[in-house]
Amino acid sequence: MKNKYGIGFLLFLILVVFGITCAYQLSLNKGKREIQAEINAKEQREMNDTSVAADGQALKDDCYYLKELNGYVVVYLSDKKTVYEYTDISLEYLPENLQKEIQNGKYIETSESLYGFLENYSS
């Protein structure tokens, strides 16, 4: 009779441990799914974030403007106010049409184009 109770108790313990293990695995998988859903939602929000000007025109974040400051070419970010880089390129040594473009704020779309320009016109 003791053997039957012992075997029953052992089976009961095995079932309890199995149940706890299953519950743990289910909660772990649920947590992983929630974290993945948060990551996906965050990535989706980042993709949907766009800059729009007050008049409704879309702005690109990665563009630059070349302007003249104290006779030298200065690189500004897309807001045309924040200085990105001061250069040692003197405006007087540039071609006349390029001088006019820079005085009006020459638009450069990519950083590759910017560095190409700076490389060509710096000493």
PDB file of N, CA and C in Angstrom:
ATOM      1  N   MET A   1       0.808  -1.180   0.000  1.00  0.00           N
ATOM      2  CA  MET A   1       0.000   0.000   0.000  1.00  0.00           C
ATOM      3  C   MET A   1       0.865   1.262   0.000  1.00  0.00           C
ATOM      4  N   LYS A   2       1.982   1.209   0.733  1.00  0.00           N
ATOM      5  CA  LYS A   2       2.874   2.359   0.770  1.00  0.00           C
ATOM      6  C   LYS A   2       3.486   2.619  -0.598  1.00  0.00           C
ATOM      7  N   ASN A   3       3.748   1.544  -1.349  1.00  0.00           N
ATOM      8  CA  ASN A   3       4.307   1.705  -2.698  1.00  0.00           C
ATOM      9  C   ASN A   3       3.340   2.451  -3.605  1.00  0.00           C
ATOM     10  N   LYS A   4       2.035   2.156  -3.506  1.00  0.00           N
ATOM     11  CA  LYS A   4       1.044   2.829  -4.339  1.00  0.00           C
ATOM     12  C   LYS A   4       1.002   4.322  -4.005  1.00  0.00           C
ATOM     13  N   TYR A   5       1.009   4.656  -2.708  1.00  0.00           N
ATOM     14  CA  TYR A   5       1.005   6.064  -2.316  1.00  0.00           C
ATOM     15  C   TYR A   5       2.308   6.747  -2.741  1.00  0.00           C
ATOM     16  N   GLY A   6       3.405   6.051  -2.625  1.00  0.00           N
ATOM     17  CA  GLY A   6       4.710   6.605  -3.017  1.00  0.00           C
ATOM     18  C   GLY A   6       4.764   6.878  -4.510  1.00  0.00           C
ATOM     19  N   ILE A   7       4.255   5.910  -5.303  1.00  0.00           N
ATOM     20  CA  ILE A   7       4.231   6.088  -6.762  1.00  0.00           C
ATOM     21  C   ILE A   7       3.270   7.214  -7.130  1.00  0.00           C
ATOM     22  N   GLY A   8       2.122   7.279  -6.494  1.00  0.00           N
ATOM     23  CA  GLY A   8       1.146   8.340  -6.749  1.00  0.00           C
ATOM     24  C   GLY A   8       1.718   9.707  -6.403  1.00  0.00           C
ATOM     25  N   PHE A   9       2.397   9.783  -5.259  1.00  0.00           N
ATOM     26  CA  PHE A   9       3.015  11.042  -4.850  1.00  0.00           C
ATOM     27  C   PHE A   9       4.105  11.467  -5.831  1.00  0.00           C
ATOM     28  N   LEU A  10       4.907  10.507  -6.288  1.00  0.00           N
ATOM     29  CA  LEU A  10       5.965  10.787  -7.257  1.00  0.00           C
ATOM     30  C   LEU A  10       5.368  11.274  -8.577  1.00  0.00           C
ATOM     31  N   LEU A  11       4.305  10.637  -9.049  1.00  0.00           N
ATOM     32  CA  LEU A  11       3.640  11.076 -10.282  1.00  0.00           C
ATOM     33  C   LEU A  11       3.056  12.483 -10.112  1.00  0.00           C
ATOM     34  N   PHE A  12       2.480  12.731  -8.922  1.00  0.00           N
ATOM     35  CA  PHE A  12       1.938  14.055  -8.639  1.00  0.00           C
ATOM     36  C   PHE A  12       3.039  15.116  -8.697  1.00  0.00           C
ATOM     37  N   LEU A  13       4.198  14.840  -8.110  1.00  0.00           N
ATOM     38  CA  LEU A  13       5.323  15.773  -8.147  1.00  0.00           C
ATOM     39  C   LEU A  13       5.812  16.010  -9.577  1.00  0.00           C
ATOM     40  N   ILE A  14       5.878  14.935 -10.348  1.00  0.00           N
ATOM     41  CA  ILE A  14       6.308  15.059 -11.750  1.00  0.00           C
ATOM     42  C   ILE A  14       5.334  15.946 -12.521  1.00  0.00           C
ATOM     43  N   LEU A  15       4.024  15.755 -12.313  1.00  0.00           N
ATOM     44  CA  LEU A  15       3.019  16.573 -12.994  1.00  0.00           C
ATOM     45  C   LEU A  15       3.106  18.041 -12.557  1.00  0.00           C
ATOM     46  N   VAL A  16       3.345  18.282 -11.269  1.00  0.00           N
ATOM     47  CA  VAL A  16       3.472  19.652 -10.781  1.00  0.00           C
ATOM     48  C   VAL A  16       4.692  20.328 -11.408  1.00  0.00           C
ATOM     49  N   VAL A  17       5.828  19.632 -11.432  1.00  0.00           N
ATOM     50  CA  VAL A  17       7.037  20.193 -12.037  1.00  0.00           C
ATOM     51  C   VAL A  17       6.815  20.442 -13.525  1.00  0.00           C
ATOM     52  N   PHE A  18       6.150  19.514 -14.204  1.00  0.00           N
ATOM     53  CA  PHE A  18       5.847  19.671 -15.624  1.00  0.00           C
ATOM     54  C   PHE A  18       4.937  20.887 -15.841  1.00  0.00           C
ATOM     55  N   GLY A  19       3.926  21.046 -15.009  1.00  0.00           N
ATOM     56  CA  GLY A  19       3.010  22.185 -15.117  1.00  0.00           C
ATOM     57  C   GLY A  19       3.728  23.509 -14.896  1.00  0.00           C
ATOM     58  N   ILE A  20       4.595  23.552 -13.893  1.00  0.00           N
ATOM     59  CA  ILE A  20       5.353  24.778 -13.624  1.00  0.00           C
ATOM     60  C   ILE A  20       6.274  25.103 -14.793  1.00  0.00           C
ATOM     61  N   THR A  21       6.915  24.084 -15.353  1.00  0.00           N
ATOM     62  CA  THR A  21       7.806  24.281 -16.502  1.00  0.00           C
ATOM     63  C   THR A  21       7.031  24.815 -17.703  1.00  0.00           C
ATOM     64  N   CYS A  22       5.862  24.239 -17.967  1.00  0.00           N
ATOM     65  CA  CYS A  22       5.040  24.712 -19.093  1.00  0.00           C
ATOM     66  C   CYS A  22       4.595  26.155 -18.876  1.00  0.00           C
ATOM     67  N   ALA A  23       4.168  26.477 -17.660  1.00  0.00           N
ATOM     68  CA  ALA A  23       3.737  27.845 -17.369  1.00  0.00           C
ATOM     69  C   ALA A  23       4.896  28.823 -17.550  1.00  0.00           C
ATOM     70  N   TYR A  24       6.081  28.439 -17.123  1.00  0.00           N
ATOM     71  CA  TYR A  24       7.263  29.287 -17.279  1.00  0.00           C
ATOM     72  C   TYR A  24       7.568  29.519 -18.762  1.00  0.00           C
ATOM     73  N   GLN A  25       7.533  28.450 -19.549  1.00  0.00           N
ATOM     74  CA  GLN A  25       7.817  28.577 -20.980  1.00  0.00           C
ATOM     75  C   GLN A  25       6.785  29.470 -21.670  1.00  0.00           C
ATOM     76  N   LEU A  26       5.516  29.313 -21.304  1.00  0.00           N
ATOM     77  CA  LEU A  26       4.474  30.142 -21.909  1.00  0.00           C
ATOM     78  C   LEU A  26       4.674  31.619 -21.561  1.00  0.00           C
ATOM     79  N   SER A  27       4.981  31.905 -20.308  1.00  0.00           N
ATOM     80  CA  SER A  27       5.189  33.307 -19.920  1.00  0.00           C
ATOM     81  C   SER A  27       6.456  33.873 -20.568  1.00  0.00           C
ATOM     82  N   LEU A  28       7.483  33.049 -20.719  1.00  0.00           N
ATOM     83  CA  LEU A  28       8.710  33.488 -21.373  1.00  0.00           C
ATOM     84  C   LEU A  28       8.445  33.834 -22.836  1.00  0.00           C
ATOM     85  N   ASN A  29       7.705  32.971 -23.534  1.00  0.00           N
ATOM     86  CA  ASN A  29       7.378  33.230 -24.937  1.00  0.00           C
ATOM     87  C   ASN A  29       6.498  34.467 -25.079  1.00  0.00           C
ATOM     88  N   LYS A  30       5.560  34.649 -24.131  1.00  0.00           N
ATOM     89  CA  LYS A  30       4.701  35.824 -24.168  1.00  0.00           C
ATOM     90  C   LYS A  30       5.543  37.088 -23.996  1.00  0.00           C
ATOM     91  N   GLY A  31       6.495  37.058 -23.082  1.00  0.00           N
ATOM     92  CA  GLY A  31       7.384  38.202 -22.877  1.00  0.00           C
ATOM     93  C   GLY A  31       8.208  38.505 -24.111  1.00  0.00           C
ATOM     94  N   LYS A  32       8.718  37.461 -24.758  1.00  0.00           N
ATOM     95  CA  LYS A  32       9.501  37.662 -25.983  1.00  0.00           C
ATOM     96  C   LYS A  32       8.643  38.289 -27.075  1.00  0.00           C
ATOM     97  N   ARG A  33       7.391  37.812 -27.208  1.00  0.00           N
ATOM     98  CA  ARG A  33       6.496  38.376 -28.222  1.00  0.00           C
ATOM     99  C   ARG A  33       6.189  39.847 -27.930  1.00  0.00           C
ATOM    100  N   GLU A  34       5.985  40.180 -26.651  1.00  0.00           N
ATOM    101  CA  GLU A  34       5.706  41.573 -26.288  1.00  0.00           C
ATOM    102  C   GLU A  34       6.901  42.470 -26.592  1.00  0.00           C
ATOM    103  N   ILE A  35       8.094  42.001 -26.271  1.00  0.00           N
ATOM    104  CA  ILE A  35       9.302  42.785 -26.547  1.00  0.00           C
ATOM    105  C   ILE A  35       9.476  42.974 -28.049  1.00  0.00           C
ATOM    106  N   GLN A  36       9.257  41.913 -28.822  1.00  0.00           N
ATOM    107  CA  GLN A  36       9.382  42.009 -30.275  1.00  0.00           C
ATOM    108  C   GLN A  36       8.340  42.971 -30.842  1.00  0.00           C
ATOM    109  N   ALA A  37       7.119  42.936 -30.287  1.00  0.00           N
ATOM    110  CA  ALA A  37       6.073  43.851 -30.748  1.00  0.00           C
ATOM    111  C   ALA A  37       6.456  45.300 -30.443  1.00  0.00           C
ATOM    112  N   GLU A  38       7.053  45.551 -29.272  1.00  0.00           N
ATOM    113  CA  GLU A  38       7.501  46.904 -28.933  1.00  0.00           C
ATOM    114  C   GLU A  38       8.602  47.368 -29.880  1.00  0.00           C
ATOM    115  N   ILE A  39       9.535  46.476 -30.178  1.00  0.00           N
ATOM    116  CA  ILE A  39      10.626  46.823 -31.096  1.00  0.00           C
ATOM    117  C   ILE A  39      10.070  47.142 -32.477  1.00  0.00           C
ATOM    118  N   ASN A  40       9.142  46.313 -32.960  1.00  0.00           N
ATOM    119  CA  ASN A  40       8.544  46.551 -34.271  1.00  0.00           C
ATOM    120  C   ASN A  40       7.777  47.869 -34.295  1.00  0.00           C
ATOM    121  N   ALA A  41       7.033  48.154 -33.208  1.00  0.00           N
ATOM    122  CA  ALA A  41       6.281  49.405 -33.145  1.00  0.00           C
ATOM    123  C   ALA A  41       7.227  50.600 -33.137  1.00  0.00           C
ATOM    124  N   LYS A  42       8.326  50.487 -32.407  1.00  0.00           N
ATOM    125  CA  LYS A  42       9.303  51.584 -32.350  1.00  0.00           C
ATOM    126  C   LYS A  42       9.928  51.815 -33.723  1.00  0.00           C
ATOM    127  N   GLU A  43      10.295  50.731 -34.414  1.00  0.00           N
ATOM    128  CA  GLU A  43      10.869  50.861 -35.754  1.00  0.00           C
ATOM    129  C   GLU A  43       9.862  51.490 -36.704  1.00  0.00           C
ATOM    130  N   GLN A  44       8.594  51.107 -36.582  1.00  0.00           N
ATOM    131  CA  GLN A  44       7.553  51.660 -37.439  1.00  0.00           C
ATOM    132  C   GLN A  44       7.384  53.155 -37.176  1.00  0.00           C
ATOM    133  N   ARG A  45       7.418  53.557 -35.893  1.00  0.00           N
ATOM    134  CA  ARG A  45       7.307  54.981 -35.564  1.00  0.00           C
ATOM    135  C   ARG A  45       8.485  55.755 -36.132  1.00  0.00           C
ATOM    136  N   GLU A  46       9.694  55.185 -36.039  1.00  0.00           N
ATOM    137  CA  GLU A  46      10.878  55.862 -36.565  1.00  0.00           C
ATOM    138  C   GLU A  46      10.795  56.020 -38.075  1.00  0.00           C
ATOM    139  N   MET A  47      10.238  55.018 -38.743  1.00  0.00           N
ATOM    140  CA  MET A  47      10.105  55.105 -40.197  1.00  0.00           C
ATOM    141  C   MET A  47       9.072  56.158 -40.585  1.00  0.00           C
ATOM    142  N   ASN A  48       8.045  56.334 -39.751  1.00  0.00           N
ATOM    143  CA  ASN A  48       6.981  57.277 -40.075  1.00  0.00           C
ATOM    144  C   ASN A  48       7.323  58.706 -39.695  1.00  0.00           C
ATOM    145  N   ASP A  49       8.366  58.916 -38.896  1.00  0.00           N
ATOM    146  CA  ASP A  49       8.762  60.264 -38.496  1.00  0.00           C
ATOM    147  C   ASP A  49       9.354  60.991 -39.694  1.00  0.00           C
ATOM    148  N   THR A  50       8.745  62.097 -40.051  1.00  0.00           N
ATOM    149  CA  THR A  50       9.264  62.919 -41.138  1.00  0.00           C
ATOM    150  C   THR A  50       9.195  64.371 -40.707  1.00  0.00           C
ATOM    151  N   SER A  51      10.099  65.159 -41.206  1.00  0.00           N
ATOM    152  CA  SER A  51      10.094  66.589 -40.919  1.00  0.00           C
ATOM    153  C   SER A  51       9.273  67.290 -41.980  1.00  0.00           C
ATOM    154  N   VAL A  52       8.394  68.176 -41.542  1.00  0.00           N
ATOM    155  CA  VAL A  52       7.577  68.935 -42.473  1.00  0.00           C
ATOM    156  C   VAL A  52       7.681  70.400 -42.088  1.00  0.00           C
ATOM    157  N   ALA A  53       7.921  71.229 -43.068  1.00  0.00           N
ATOM    158  CA  ALA A  53       8.024  72.659 -42.816  1.00  0.00           C
ATOM    159  C   ALA A  53       6.638  73.235 -42.557  1.00  0.00           C
ATOM    160  N   ALA A  54       6.590  74.446 -42.046  1.00  0.00           N
ATOM    161  CA  ALA A  54       5.319  75.069 -41.707  1.00  0.00           C
ATOM    162  C   ALA A  54       4.449  75.296 -42.936  1.00  0.00           C
ATOM    163  N   ASP A  55       5.060  75.513 -44.086  1.00  0.00           N
ATOM    164  CA  ASP A  55       4.267  75.734 -45.284  1.00  0.00           C
ATOM    165  C   ASP A  55       3.920  74.435 -46.001  1.00  0.00           C
ATOM    166  N   GLY A  56       4.237  73.297 -45.409  1.00  0.00           N
ATOM    167  CA  GLY A  56       3.838  72.010 -45.957  1.00  0.00           C
ATOM    168  C   GLY A  56       4.872  71.336 -46.824  1.00  0.00           C
ATOM    169  N   GLN A  57       6.031  71.917 -46.999  1.00  0.00           N
ATOM    170  CA  GLN A  57       7.058  71.285 -47.810  1.00  0.00           C
ATOM    171  C   GLN A  57       7.881  70.351 -46.945  1.00  0.00           C
ATOM    172  N   ALA A  58       8.156  69.171 -47.456  1.00  0.00           N
ATOM    173  CA  ALA A  58       8.956  68.207 -46.706  1.00  0.00           C
ATOM    174  C   ALA A  58      10.422  68.630 -46.733  1.00  0.00           C
ATOM    175  N   LEU A  59      11.105  68.416 -45.609  1.00  0.00           N
ATOM    176  CA  LEU A  59      12.527  68.742 -45.513  1.00  0.00           C
ATOM    177  C   LEU A  59      13.337  67.466 -45.439  1.00  0.00           C
ATOM    178  N   LYS A  60      14.473  67.463 -46.091  1.00  0.00           N
ATOM    179  CA  LYS A  60      15.403  66.341 -45.956  1.00  0.00           C
ATOM    180  C   LYS A  60      16.349  66.659 -44.818  1.00  0.00           C
ATOM    181  N   ASP A  61      16.621  65.667 -43.976  1.00  0.00           N
ATOM    182  CA  ASP A  61      17.516  65.887 -42.849  1.00  0.00           C
ATOM    183  C   ASP A  61      18.970  65.961 -43.289  1.00  0.00           C
ATOM    184  N   ASP A  62      19.323  65.264 -44.346  1.00  0.00           N
ATOM    185  CA  ASP A  62      20.722  65.152 -44.738  1.00  0.00           C
ATOM    186  C   ASP A  62      21.004  66.033 -45.952  1.00  0.00           C
ATOM    187  N   CYS A  63      20.843  67.344 -45.796  1.00  0.00           N
ATOM    188  CA  CYS A  63      21.227  68.263 -46.867  1.00  0.00           C
ATOM    189  C   CYS A  63      21.979  69.426 -46.234  1.00  0.00           C
ATOM    190  N   TYR A  64      22.708  70.128 -47.059  1.00  0.00           N
ATOM    191  CA  TYR A  64      23.600  71.173 -46.569  1.00  0.00           C
ATOM    192  C   TYR A  64      23.468  72.405 -47.449  1.00  0.00           C
ATOM    193  N   TYR A  65      23.856  73.530 -46.888  1.00  0.00           N
ATOM    194  CA  TYR A  65      23.891  74.776 -47.631  1.00  0.00           C
ATOM    195  C   TYR A  65      25.260  75.409 -47.444  1.00  0.00           C
ATOM    196  N   LEU A  66      25.811  75.900 -48.538  1.00  0.00           N
ATOM    197  CA  LEU A  66      27.076  76.626 -48.487  1.00  0.00           C
ATOM    198  C   LEU A  66      26.745  78.108 -48.536  1.00  0.00           C
ATOM    199  N   LYS A  67      27.281  78.843 -47.575  1.00  0.00           N
ATOM    200  CA  LYS A  67      27.076  80.288 -47.528  1.00  0.00           C
ATOM    201  C   LYS A  67      28.406  80.969 -47.234  1.00  0.00           C
ATOM    202  N   GLU A  68      28.404  82.279 -47.430  1.00  0.00           N
ATOM    203  CA  GLU A  68      29.607  83.076 -47.196  1.00  0.00           C
ATOM    204  C   GLU A  68      29.515  83.724 -45.823  1.00  0.00           C
ATOM    205  N   LEU A  69      30.619  83.659 -45.079  1.00  0.00           N
ATOM    206  CA  LEU A  69      30.707  84.313 -43.779  1.00  0.00           C
ATOM    207  C   LEU A  69      32.111  84.890 -43.649  1.00  0.00           C
ATOM    208  N   ASN A  70      32.201  86.211 -43.579  1.00  0.00           N
ATOM    209  CA  ASN A  70      33.489  86.908 -43.457  1.00  0.00           C
ATOM    210  C   ASN A  70      34.464  86.542 -44.576  1.00  0.00           C
ATOM    211  N   GLY A  71      33.943  86.357 -45.788  1.00  0.00           N
ATOM    212  CA  GLY A  71      34.794  86.075 -46.931  1.00  0.00           C
ATOM    213  C   GLY A  71      35.165  84.612 -47.108  1.00  0.00           C
ATOM    214  N   TYR A  72      34.650  83.733 -46.259  1.00  0.00           N
ATOM    215  CA  TYR A  72      34.962  82.306 -46.352  1.00  0.00           C
ATOM    216  C   TYR A  72      33.682  81.495 -46.520  1.00  0.00           C
ATOM    217  N   VAL A  73      33.832  80.303 -47.077  1.00  0.00           N
ATOM    218  CA  VAL A  73      32.702  79.403 -47.272  1.00  0.00           C
ATOM    219  C   VAL A  73      32.437  78.670 -45.957  1.00  0.00           C
ATOM    220  N   VAL A  74      31.164  78.669 -45.542  1.00  0.00           N
ATOM    221  CA  VAL A  74      30.743  77.978 -44.326  1.00  0.00           C
ATOM    222  C   VAL A  74      29.628  77.012 -44.702  1.00  0.00           C
ATOM    223  N   VAL A  75      29.664  75.815 -44.126  1.00  0.00           N
ATOM    224  CA  VAL A  75      28.656  74.792 -44.399  1.00  0.00           C
ATOM    225  C   VAL A  75      27.606  74.846 -43.294  1.00  0.00           C
ATOM    226  N   TYR A  76      26.345  74.973 -43.703  1.00  0.00           N
ATOM    227  CA  TYR A  76      25.219  74.989 -42.766  1.00  0.00           C
ATOM    228  C   TYR A  76      24.377  73.731 -42.953  1.00  0.00           C
ATOM    229  N   LEU A  77      23.696  73.329 -41.897  1.00  0.00           N
ATOM    230  CA  LEU A  77      22.763  72.205 -41.982  1.00  0.00           C
ATOM    231  C   LEU A  77      21.495  72.647 -42.703  1.00  0.00           C
ATOM    232  N   SER A  78      20.544  71.726 -42.849  1.00  0.00           N
ATOM    233  CA  SER A  78      19.348  71.989 -43.642  1.00  0.00           C
ATOM    234  C   SER A  78      18.497  73.135 -43.104  1.00  0.00           C
ATOM    235  N   ASP A  79      18.639  73.493 -41.826  1.00  0.00           N
ATOM    236  CA  ASP A  79      17.855  74.612 -41.291  1.00  0.00           C
ATOM    237  C   ASP A  79      18.432  75.976 -41.672  1.00  0.00           C
ATOM    238  N   LYS A  80      19.579  75.982 -42.311  1.00  0.00           N
ATOM    239  CA  LYS A  80      20.280  77.186 -42.790  1.00  0.00           C
ATOM    240  C   LYS A  80      20.740  78.102 -41.658  1.00  0.00           C
ATOM    241  N   LYS A  81      20.689  77.618 -40.414  1.00  0.00           N
ATOM    242  CA  LYS A  81      21.117  78.424 -39.274  1.00  0.00           C
ATOM    243  C   LYS A  81      22.239  77.760 -38.496  1.00  0.00           C
ATOM    244  N   THR A  82      22.215  76.445 -38.424  1.00  0.00           N
ATOM    245  CA  THR A  82      23.197  75.705 -37.646  1.00  0.00           C
ATOM    246  C   THR A  82      24.446  75.471 -38.484  1.00  0.00           C
ATOM    247  N   VAL A  83      25.584  75.935 -37.979  1.00  0.00           N
ATOM    248  CA  VAL A  83      26.850  75.756 -38.698  1.00  0.00           C
ATOM    249  C   VAL A  83      27.287  74.305 -38.558  1.00  0.00           C
ATOM    250  N   TYR A  84      27.549  73.679 -39.696  1.00  0.00           N
ATOM    251  CA  TYR A  84      28.033  72.302 -39.706  1.00  0.00           C
ATOM    252  C   TYR A  84      29.554  72.276 -39.716  1.00  0.00           C
ATOM    253  N   GLU A  85      30.147  73.172 -40.520  1.00  0.00           N
ATOM    254  CA  GLU A  85      31.610  73.190 -40.619  1.00  0.00           C
ATOM    255  C   GLU A  85      32.087  74.531 -41.170  1.00  0.00           C
ATOM    256  N   TYR A  86      33.106  75.056 -40.537  1.00  0.00           N
ATOM    257  CA  TYR A  86      33.799  76.232 -41.058  1.00  0.00           C
ATOM    258  C   TYR A  86      34.910  75.735 -41.978  1.00  0.00           C
ATOM    259  N   THR A  87      35.090  76.396 -43.112  1.00  0.00           N
ATOM    260  CA  THR A  87      36.148  75.978 -44.038  1.00  0.00           C
ATOM    261  C   THR A  87      37.173  77.100 -44.173  1.00  0.00           C
ATOM    262  N   ASP A  88      38.308  76.758 -44.751  1.00  0.00           N
ATOM    263  CA  ASP A  88      39.329  77.766 -45.042  1.00  0.00           C
ATOM    264  C   ASP A  88      39.306  78.144 -46.519  1.00  0.00           C
ATOM    265  N   ILE A  89      38.188  77.898 -47.182  1.00  0.00           N
ATOM    266  CA  ILE A  89      38.042  78.223 -48.603  1.00  0.00           C
ATOM    267  C   ILE A  89      37.622  79.686 -48.715  1.00  0.00           C
ATOM    268  N   SER A  90      38.496  80.492 -49.281  1.00  0.00           N
ATOM    269  CA  SER A  90      38.203  81.914 -49.458  1.00  0.00           C
ATOM    270  C   SER A  90      37.291  82.089 -50.661  1.00  0.00           C
ATOM    271  N   LEU A  91      36.277  82.908 -50.501  1.00  0.00           N
ATOM    272  CA  LEU A  91      35.297  83.107 -51.562  1.00  0.00           C
ATOM    273  C   LEU A  91      35.915  83.796 -52.777  1.00  0.00           C
ATOM    274  N   GLU A  92      36.904  84.648 -52.585  1.00  0.00           N
ATOM    275  CA  GLU A  92      37.478  85.419 -53.688  1.00  0.00           C
ATOM    276  C   GLU A  92      38.236  84.560 -54.695  1.00  0.00           C
ATOM    277  N   TYR A  93      38.658  83.357 -54.304  1.00  0.00           N
ATOM    278  CA  TYR A  93      39.408  82.495 -55.222  1.00  0.00           C
ATOM    279  C   TYR A  93      38.511  81.528 -55.995  1.00  0.00           C
ATOM    280  N   LEU A  94      37.227  81.574 -55.757  1.00  0.00           N
ATOM    281  CA  LEU A  94      36.290  80.691 -56.457  1.00  0.00           C
ATOM    282  C   LEU A  94      35.811  81.360 -57.739  1.00  0.00           C
ATOM    283  N   PRO A  95      35.335  80.576 -58.711  1.00  0.00           N
ATOM    284  CA  PRO A  95      34.772  81.167 -59.934  1.00  0.00           C
ATOM    285  C   PRO A  95      33.591  82.091 -59.595  1.00  0.00           C
ATOM    286  N   GLU A  96      33.380  83.090 -60.435  1.00  0.00           N
ATOM    287  CA  GLU A  96      32.379  84.119 -60.145  1.00  0.00           C
ATOM    288  C   GLU A  96      30.968  83.551 -60.023  1.00  0.00           C
ATOM    289  N   ASN A  97      30.598  82.623 -60.916  1.00  0.00           N
ATOM    290  CA  ASN A  97      29.249  82.052 -60.832  1.00  0.00           C
ATOM    291  C   ASN A  97      29.068  81.239 -59.549  1.00  0.00           C
ATOM    292  N   LEU A  98      30.120  80.576 -59.100  1.00  0.00           N
ATOM    293  CA  LEU A  98      30.060  79.817 -57.855  1.00  0.00           C
ATOM    294  C   LEU A  98      29.992  80.759 -56.655  1.00  0.00           C
ATOM    295  N   GLN A  99      30.670  81.900 -56.750  1.00  0.00           N
ATOM    296  CA  GLN A  99      30.592  82.902 -55.680  1.00  0.00           C
ATOM    297  C   GLN A  99      29.154  83.379 -55.496  1.00  0.00           C
ATOM    298  N   LYS A 100      28.473  83.636 -56.615  1.00  0.00           N
ATOM    299  CA  LYS A 100      27.078  84.095 -56.546  1.00  0.00           C
ATOM    300  C   LYS A 100      26.178  83.013 -55.945  1.00  0.00           C
ATOM    301  N   GLU A 101      26.399  81.757 -56.362  1.00  0.00           N
ATOM    302  CA  GLU A 101      25.606  80.656 -55.807  1.00  0.00           C
ATOM    303  C   GLU A 101      25.789  80.563 -54.298  1.00  0.00           C
ATOM    304  N   ILE A 102      27.023  80.667 -53.844  1.00  0.00           N
ATOM    305  CA  ILE A 102      27.314  80.544 -52.414  1.00  0.00           C
ATOM    306  C   ILE A 102      26.752  81.742 -51.652  1.00  0.00           C
ATOM    307  N   GLN A 103      26.816  82.916 -52.220  1.00  0.00           N
ATOM    308  CA  GLN A 103      26.245  84.092 -51.557  1.00  0.00           C
ATOM    309  C   GLN A 103      24.726  83.965 -51.420  1.00  0.00           C
ATOM    310  N   ASN A 104      24.099  83.254 -52.358  1.00  0.00           N
ATOM    311  CA  ASN A 104      22.654  83.018 -52.292  1.00  0.00           C
ATOM    312  C   ASN A 104      22.306  81.772 -51.480  1.00  0.00           C
ATOM    313  N   GLY A 105      23.292  80.993 -51.091  1.00  0.00           N
ATOM    314  CA  GLY A 105      23.054  79.757 -50.338  1.00  0.00           C
ATOM    315  C   GLY A 105      22.996  78.559 -51.264  1.00  0.00           C
ATOM    316  N   LYS A 106      24.137  78.015 -51.615  1.00  0.00           N
ATOM    317  CA  LYS A 106      24.221  76.874 -52.537  1.00  0.00           C
ATOM    318  C   LYS A 106      23.745  75.612 -51.832  1.00  0.00           C
ATOM    319  N   TYR A 107      22.777  74.929 -52.431  1.00  0.00           N
ATOM    320  CA  TYR A 107      22.203  73.698 -51.879  1.00  0.00           C
ATOM    321  C   TYR A 107      23.048  72.501 -52.293  1.00  0.00           C
ATOM    322  N   ILE A 108      23.387  71.648 -51.319  1.00  0.00           N
ATOM    323  CA  ILE A 108      24.096  70.395 -51.599  1.00  0.00           C
ATOM    324  C   ILE A 108      23.309  69.285 -50.920  1.00  0.00           C
ATOM    325  N   GLU A 109      22.936  68.268 -51.698  1.00  0.00           N
ATOM    326  CA  GLU A 109      21.980  67.267 -51.216  1.00  0.00           C
ATOM    327  C   GLU A 109      22.578  66.229 -50.273  1.00  0.00           C
ATOM    328  N   THR A 110      23.754  65.695 -50.576  1.00  0.00           N
ATOM    329  CA  THR A 110      24.290  64.594 -49.772  1.00  0.00           C
ATOM    330  C   THR A 110      25.639  64.962 -49.179  1.00  0.00           C
ATOM    331  N   SER A 111      26.019  64.207 -48.169  1.00  0.00           N
ATOM    332  CA  SER A 111      27.328  64.443 -47.552  1.00  0.00           C
ATOM    333  C   SER A 111      28.449  64.076 -48.516  1.00  0.00           C
ATOM    334  N   GLU A 112      28.211  63.104 -49.400  1.00  0.00           N
ATOM    335  CA  GLU A 112      29.230  62.742 -50.386  1.00  0.00           C
ATOM    336  C   GLU A 112      29.486  63.913 -51.338  1.00  0.00           C
ATOM    337  N   SER A 113      28.413  64.556 -51.782  1.00  0.00           N
ATOM    338  CA  SER A 113      28.563  65.719 -52.663  1.00  0.00           C
ATOM    339  C   SER A 113      29.256  66.858 -51.936  1.00  0.00           C
ATOM    340  N   LEU A 114      28.913  67.033 -50.667  1.00  0.00           N
ATOM    341  CA  LEU A 114      29.534  68.088 -49.869  1.00  0.00           C
ATOM    342  C   LEU A 114      31.033  67.869 -49.762  1.00  0.00           C
ATOM    343  N   TYR A 115      31.432  66.662 -49.377  1.00  0.00           N
ATOM    344  CA  TYR A 115      32.859  66.407 -49.210  1.00  0.00           C
ATOM    345  C   TYR A 115      33.594  66.417 -50.546  1.00  0.00           C
ATOM    346  N   GLY A 116      32.914  66.052 -51.612  1.00  0.00           N
ATOM    347  CA  GLY A 116      33.513  66.177 -52.937  1.00  0.00           C
ATOM    348  C   GLY A 116      33.780  67.632 -53.287  1.00  0.00           C
ATOM    349  N   PHE A 117      32.807  68.501 -53.007  1.00  0.00           N
ATOM    350  CA  PHE A 117      32.980  69.932 -53.253  1.00  0.00           C
ATOM    351  C   PHE A 117      34.122  70.487 -52.414  1.00  0.00           C
ATOM    352  N   LEU A 118      34.111  70.169 -51.117  1.00  0.00           N
ATOM    353  CA  LEU A 118      35.148  70.692 -50.225  1.00  0.00           C
ATOM    354  C   LEU A 118      36.532  70.203 -50.636  1.00  0.00           C
ATOM    355  N   GLU A 119      36.603  68.967 -51.080  1.00  0.00           N
ATOM    356  CA  GLU A 119      37.891  68.408 -51.509  1.00  0.00           C
ATOM    357  C   GLU A 119      38.395  69.111 -52.766  1.00  0.00           C
ATOM    358  N   ASN A 120      37.490  69.420 -53.687  1.00  0.00           N
ATOM    359  CA  ASN A 120      37.886  70.070 -54.934  1.00  0.00           C
ATOM    360  C   ASN A 120      38.355  71.504 -54.739  1.00  0.00           C
ATOM    361  N   TYR A 121      37.725  72.235 -53.824  1.00  0.00           N
ATOM    362  CA  TYR A 121      38.004  73.662 -53.708  1.00  0.00           C
ATOM    363  C   TYR A 121      38.886  74.040 -52.526  1.00  0.00           C
ATOM    364  N   SER A 122      39.236  73.106 -51.672  1.00  0.00           N
ATOM    365  CA  SER A 122      40.172  73.463 -50.595  1.00  0.00           C
ATOM    366  C   SER A 122      41.585  73.350 -51.142  1.00  0.00           C
ATOM    367  N   SER A 123      42.476  74.141 -50.578  1.00  0.00           N
ATOM    368  CA  SER A 123      43.848  74.283 -51.072  1.00  0.00           C
ATOM    369  C   SER A 123      44.382  72.984 -51.564  1.00  0.00           C
TER     370      SER A 123
END
